[in-house]
Amino acid sequence: MGFFVGDTNDYIRSLSCTQDNKALYYVQCATVTFYDMKTSTKSEELDHNVDVINACTNDKKLVVTSAEDSNIRIWDRSRKVQTMSKTPALTANRIR
């Protein structure tokens, strides 16, 4: 089991483990980072324009995130390039 040192000027908002216990993922500011438990390395980051509030996944392929811009995003990690909608936060993906 490994560990890594975070940024001393920041904090981790949430930390979760995947269902197969092979990876951790955590929310830190505007980023969701995946950490591979077997290799003890960061495997991927999902970047937002604003701070992320929460992230969840069941299969490590699809990841759902919510952020301070009131948007919910669904990420498909099987795709090589991630794109975000240019729809204004006031009209896109709002939960009412």
N, C-alpha and C. Protein backbone atom coordinates (compact mmCIF):
# COMPACT_ATOMS: atom_id res chain seq x y z
N MET A 1 0.85 -1.17 0.00
CA MET A 1 0.00 0.00 0.00
C MET A 1 0.89 1.23 0.00
N GLY A 2 0.54 2.19 -0.83
CA GLY A 2 1.34 3.40 -0.93
C GLY A 2 0.59 4.60 -0.40
N PHE A 3 1.24 5.74 -0.46
CA PHE A 3 0.60 6.99 -0.11
C PHE A 3 1.23 8.10 -0.92
N PHE A 4 0.55 9.21 -0.98
CA PHE A 4 1.10 10.36 -1.68
C PHE A 4 0.84 11.60 -0.84
N VAL A 5 1.68 12.60 -1.06
CA VAL A 5 1.57 13.84 -0.30
C VAL A 5 0.78 14.83 -1.13
N GLY A 6 -0.27 15.39 -0.53
CA GLY A 6 -1.09 16.37 -1.22
C GLY A 6 -0.50 17.77 -1.12
N ASP A 7 -1.20 18.70 -1.69
CA ASP A 7 -0.82 20.11 -1.63
C ASP A 7 -1.16 20.65 -0.25
N THR A 8 -0.18 21.18 0.45
CA THR A 8 -0.41 21.69 1.81
C THR A 8 -1.27 22.94 1.84
N ASN A 9 -1.49 23.57 0.70
CA ASN A 9 -2.32 24.77 0.61
C ASN A 9 -3.76 24.44 0.24
N ASP A 10 -4.11 23.17 0.20
CA ASP A 10 -5.43 22.77 -0.25
C ASP A 10 -5.92 21.60 0.60
N TYR A 11 -7.13 21.14 0.33
CA TYR A 11 -7.69 20.01 1.05
C TYR A 11 -8.47 19.12 0.10
N ILE A 12 -8.70 17.89 0.51
CA ILE A 12 -9.50 16.96 -0.27
C ILE A 12 -10.93 17.03 0.27
N ARG A 13 -11.87 17.33 -0.61
CA ARG A 13 -13.28 17.51 -0.22
C ARG A 13 -13.95 16.17 0.05
N SER A 14 -13.68 15.17 -0.79
CA SER A 14 -14.25 13.84 -0.57
C SER A 14 -13.31 12.79 -1.12
N LEU A 15 -13.42 11.59 -0.56
CA LEU A 15 -12.58 10.46 -0.95
C LEU A 15 -13.45 9.22 -1.00
N SER A 16 -13.35 8.46 -2.10
CA SER A 16 -14.15 7.24 -2.26
C SER A 16 -13.29 6.16 -2.88
N CYS A 17 -13.75 4.93 -2.71
CA CYS A 17 -13.08 3.78 -3.30
C CYS A 17 -14.03 3.16 -4.33
N THR A 18 -13.48 2.67 -5.42
CA THR A 18 -14.30 2.01 -6.42
C THR A 18 -14.82 0.68 -5.86
N GLN A 19 -15.88 0.15 -6.45
CA GLN A 19 -16.51 -1.07 -5.94
C GLN A 19 -15.56 -2.27 -5.94
N ASP A 20 -14.63 -2.30 -6.89
CA ASP A 20 -13.69 -3.43 -6.95
C ASP A 20 -12.46 -3.20 -6.06
N ASN A 21 -12.43 -2.08 -5.35
CA ASN A 21 -11.33 -1.73 -4.45
C ASN A 21 -9.97 -1.62 -5.13
N LYS A 22 -9.98 -1.38 -6.44
CA LYS A 22 -8.72 -1.26 -7.17
C LYS A 22 -8.28 0.19 -7.34
N ALA A 23 -9.17 1.12 -7.04
CA ALA A 23 -8.81 2.54 -7.22
C ALA A 23 -9.52 3.40 -6.19
N LEU A 24 -8.88 4.50 -5.86
CA LEU A 24 -9.49 5.56 -5.08
C LEU A 24 -9.77 6.71 -6.02
N TYR A 25 -10.75 7.51 -5.70
CA TYR A 25 -10.93 8.76 -6.42
C TYR A 25 -11.31 9.82 -5.41
N TYR A 26 -10.77 11.01 -5.64
CA TYR A 26 -11.01 12.07 -4.67
C TYR A 26 -11.26 13.39 -5.37
N VAL A 27 -11.99 14.26 -4.67
CA VAL A 27 -12.33 15.59 -5.16
C VAL A 27 -11.44 16.59 -4.44
N GLN A 28 -10.74 17.39 -5.24
CA GLN A 28 -9.89 18.45 -4.69
C GLN A 28 -10.04 19.67 -5.59
N CYS A 29 -10.65 20.70 -5.04
CA CYS A 29 -10.94 21.93 -5.81
C CYS A 29 -11.74 21.60 -7.05
N ALA A 30 -11.22 21.92 -8.22
CA ALA A 30 -11.95 21.74 -9.48
C ALA A 30 -11.55 20.45 -10.20
N THR A 31 -10.99 19.49 -9.47
CA THR A 31 -10.48 18.28 -10.09
C THR A 31 -10.95 17.02 -9.36
N VAL A 32 -11.28 15.99 -10.14
CA VAL A 32 -11.50 14.65 -9.60
C VAL A 32 -10.32 13.81 -10.07
N THR A 33 -9.61 13.21 -9.13
CA THR A 33 -8.42 12.44 -9.46
C THR A 33 -8.63 10.98 -9.10
N PHE A 34 -8.22 10.09 -10.02
CA PHE A 34 -8.25 8.66 -9.79
C PHE A 34 -6.84 8.19 -9.43
N TYR A 35 -6.75 7.33 -8.43
CA TYR A 35 -5.49 6.83 -7.92
C TYR A 35 -5.53 5.31 -7.98
N ASP A 36 -4.63 4.71 -8.76
CA ASP A 36 -4.57 3.27 -8.94
C ASP A 36 -3.90 2.63 -7.71
N MET A 37 -4.63 1.78 -7.00
CA MET A 37 -4.11 1.17 -5.78
C MET A 37 -2.99 0.16 -6.06
N LYS A 38 -3.03 -0.50 -7.20
CA LYS A 38 -2.01 -1.51 -7.52
C LYS A 38 -0.67 -0.88 -7.84
N THR A 39 -0.69 0.19 -8.62
CA THR A 39 0.57 0.83 -9.04
C THR A 39 0.95 2.03 -8.18
N SER A 40 0.06 2.43 -7.28
CA SER A 40 0.27 3.60 -6.42
C SER A 40 0.56 4.87 -7.23
N THR A 41 -0.21 5.05 -8.30
CA THR A 41 -0.04 6.22 -9.15
C THR A 41 -1.38 6.87 -9.45
N LYS A 42 -1.32 8.16 -9.75
CA LYS A 42 -2.51 8.85 -10.23
C LYS A 42 -2.74 8.39 -11.66
N SER A 43 -3.97 7.97 -11.96
CA SER A 43 -4.21 7.41 -13.29
C SER A 43 -4.92 8.37 -14.23
N GLU A 44 -5.72 9.30 -13.69
CA GLU A 44 -6.45 10.23 -14.56
C GLU A 44 -7.03 11.35 -13.72
N GLU A 45 -7.22 12.50 -14.34
CA GLU A 45 -7.88 13.62 -13.68
C GLU A 45 -9.00 14.15 -14.57
N LEU A 46 -10.13 14.48 -13.96
CA LEU A 46 -11.25 15.12 -14.65
C LEU A 46 -11.30 16.55 -14.15
N ASP A 47 -11.10 17.50 -15.04
CA ASP A 47 -11.02 18.91 -14.65
C ASP A 47 -12.31 19.65 -14.94
N HIS A 48 -12.71 20.50 -14.00
CA HIS A 48 -13.87 21.37 -14.11
C HIS A 48 -13.39 22.82 -14.16
N ASN A 49 -14.30 23.73 -14.48
CA ASN A 49 -13.98 25.16 -14.44
C ASN A 49 -14.17 25.76 -13.06
N VAL A 50 -14.93 25.08 -12.21
CA VAL A 50 -15.22 25.54 -10.85
C VAL A 50 -15.02 24.37 -9.90
N ASP A 51 -15.10 24.63 -8.59
CA ASP A 51 -14.89 23.58 -7.61
C ASP A 51 -15.95 22.48 -7.73
N VAL A 52 -15.49 21.25 -7.61
CA VAL A 52 -16.36 20.08 -7.64
C VAL A 52 -16.89 19.85 -6.22
N ILE A 53 -18.16 19.54 -6.11
CA ILE A 53 -18.78 19.26 -4.82
C ILE A 53 -18.72 17.78 -4.50
N ASN A 54 -19.03 16.94 -5.50
CA ASN A 54 -19.08 15.51 -5.26
C ASN A 54 -18.83 14.75 -6.56
N ALA A 55 -18.42 13.48 -6.41
CA ALA A 55 -18.22 12.59 -7.56
C ALA A 55 -18.61 11.19 -7.14
N CYS A 56 -19.16 10.42 -8.09
CA CYS A 56 -19.48 9.03 -7.80
C CYS A 56 -19.38 8.20 -9.07
N THR A 57 -19.09 6.90 -8.88
CA THR A 57 -19.02 5.96 -9.98
C THR A 57 -19.27 4.56 -9.45
N ASN A 58 -19.85 3.72 -10.27
CA ASN A 58 -20.02 2.30 -9.92
C ASN A 58 -19.05 1.41 -10.67
N ASP A 59 -18.66 1.84 -11.87
CA ASP A 59 -17.86 0.97 -12.72
C ASP A 59 -16.53 1.58 -13.18
N LYS A 60 -16.15 2.72 -12.69
CA LYS A 60 -14.94 3.47 -13.08
C LYS A 60 -15.00 3.97 -14.52
N LYS A 61 -15.99 3.57 -15.29
CA LYS A 61 -16.12 4.02 -16.67
C LYS A 61 -16.93 5.30 -16.74
N LEU A 62 -18.13 5.28 -16.16
CA LEU A 62 -18.97 6.47 -16.11
C LEU A 62 -18.82 7.11 -14.73
N VAL A 63 -18.55 8.41 -14.73
CA VAL A 63 -18.39 9.15 -13.48
C VAL A 63 -19.36 10.32 -13.51
N VAL A 64 -20.10 10.49 -12.43
CA VAL A 64 -21.03 11.61 -12.31
C VAL A 64 -20.44 12.60 -11.32
N THR A 65 -20.39 13.87 -11.71
CA THR A 65 -19.86 14.91 -10.83
C THR A 65 -20.87 16.04 -10.71
N SER A 66 -20.86 16.69 -9.55
CA SER A 66 -21.62 17.92 -9.37
C SER A 66 -20.64 18.99 -8.95
N ALA A 67 -20.90 20.22 -9.40
CA ALA A 67 -19.95 21.30 -9.14
C ALA A 67 -20.68 22.56 -8.68
N GLU A 68 -19.90 23.53 -8.25
CA GLU A 68 -20.47 24.77 -7.70
C GLU A 68 -21.19 25.62 -8.74
N ASP A 69 -21.08 25.27 -10.02
CA ASP A 69 -21.82 26.00 -11.05
C ASP A 69 -23.23 25.43 -11.23
N SER A 70 -23.66 24.56 -10.33
CA SER A 70 -24.99 23.93 -10.34
C SER A 70 -25.17 22.94 -11.48
N ASN A 71 -24.08 22.50 -12.10
CA ASN A 71 -24.16 21.52 -13.17
C ASN A 71 -23.81 20.14 -12.68
N ILE A 72 -24.46 19.15 -13.27
CA ILE A 72 -24.10 17.75 -13.07
C ILE A 72 -23.53 17.28 -14.40
N ARG A 73 -22.36 16.67 -14.33
CA ARG A 73 -21.71 16.19 -15.55
C ARG A 73 -21.56 14.68 -15.48
N ILE A 74 -21.74 14.03 -16.62
CA ILE A 74 -21.51 12.59 -16.73
C ILE A 74 -20.31 12.41 -17.65
N TRP A 75 -19.27 11.81 -17.11
CA TRP A 75 -18.02 11.61 -17.83
C TRP A 75 -17.90 10.16 -18.26
N ASP A 76 -17.50 9.94 -19.49
CA ASP A 76 -17.23 8.59 -20.00
C ASP A 76 -15.72 8.43 -20.06
N ARG A 77 -15.13 7.76 -19.08
CA ARG A 77 -13.68 7.63 -19.01
C ARG A 77 -13.10 6.74 -20.10
N SER A 78 -13.95 6.03 -20.86
CA SER A 78 -13.44 5.20 -21.95
C SER A 78 -13.07 6.04 -23.16
N ARG A 79 -13.52 7.29 -23.19
CA ARG A 79 -13.20 8.19 -24.30
C ARG A 79 -11.84 8.83 -24.04
N LYS A 80 -11.09 9.05 -25.08
CA LYS A 80 -9.76 9.64 -24.95
C LYS A 80 -9.80 11.12 -24.60
N VAL A 81 -10.81 11.82 -25.12
CA VAL A 81 -10.90 13.27 -24.90
C VAL A 81 -12.24 13.56 -24.25
N GLN A 82 -12.21 14.35 -23.18
CA GLN A 82 -13.43 14.75 -22.50
C GLN A 82 -13.76 16.18 -22.93
N THR A 83 -15.02 16.44 -23.21
CA THR A 83 -15.45 17.79 -23.56
C THR A 83 -16.60 18.18 -22.66
N MET A 84 -16.69 19.47 -22.36
CA MET A 84 -17.78 19.97 -21.54
C MET A 84 -18.69 20.82 -22.40
N SER A 85 -19.95 20.79 -22.09
CA SER A 85 -20.93 21.59 -22.79
C SER A 85 -20.66 23.07 -22.56
N LYS A 86 -20.94 23.87 -23.56
CA LYS A 86 -20.79 25.32 -23.45
C LYS A 86 -22.09 25.98 -23.01
N THR A 87 -23.09 25.18 -22.63
CA THR A 87 -24.38 25.71 -22.21
C THR A 87 -24.22 26.48 -20.90
N PRO A 88 -24.80 27.67 -20.80
CA PRO A 88 -24.69 28.44 -19.56
C PRO A 88 -25.23 27.67 -18.36
N ALA A 89 -24.57 27.84 -17.22
CA ALA A 89 -24.93 27.11 -16.01
C ALA A 89 -26.37 27.38 -15.57
N LEU A 90 -26.92 28.52 -15.91
CA LEU A 90 -28.26 28.86 -15.46
C LEU A 90 -29.34 28.03 -16.16
N THR A 91 -29.03 27.44 -17.32
CA THR A 91 -30.04 26.68 -18.04
C THR A 91 -29.67 25.22 -18.23
N ALA A 92 -28.46 24.83 -17.91
CA ALA A 92 -28.02 23.46 -18.19
C ALA A 92 -28.02 22.57 -16.96
N ASN A 93 -28.63 21.41 -17.07
CA ASN A 93 -28.51 20.36 -16.08
C ASN A 93 -28.82 20.77 -14.66
N ARG A 94 -29.73 21.70 -14.48
CA ARG A 94 -30.07 22.14 -13.13
C ARG A 94 -31.01 21.15 -12.48
N ILE A 95 -30.80 20.92 -11.21
CA ILE A 95 -31.73 20.11 -10.43
C ILE A 95 -32.63 21.08 -9.68
N ARG A 96 -33.92 20.93 -9.82
CA ARG A 96 -34.86 21.84 -9.17
C ARG A 96 -35.70 21.10 -8.18
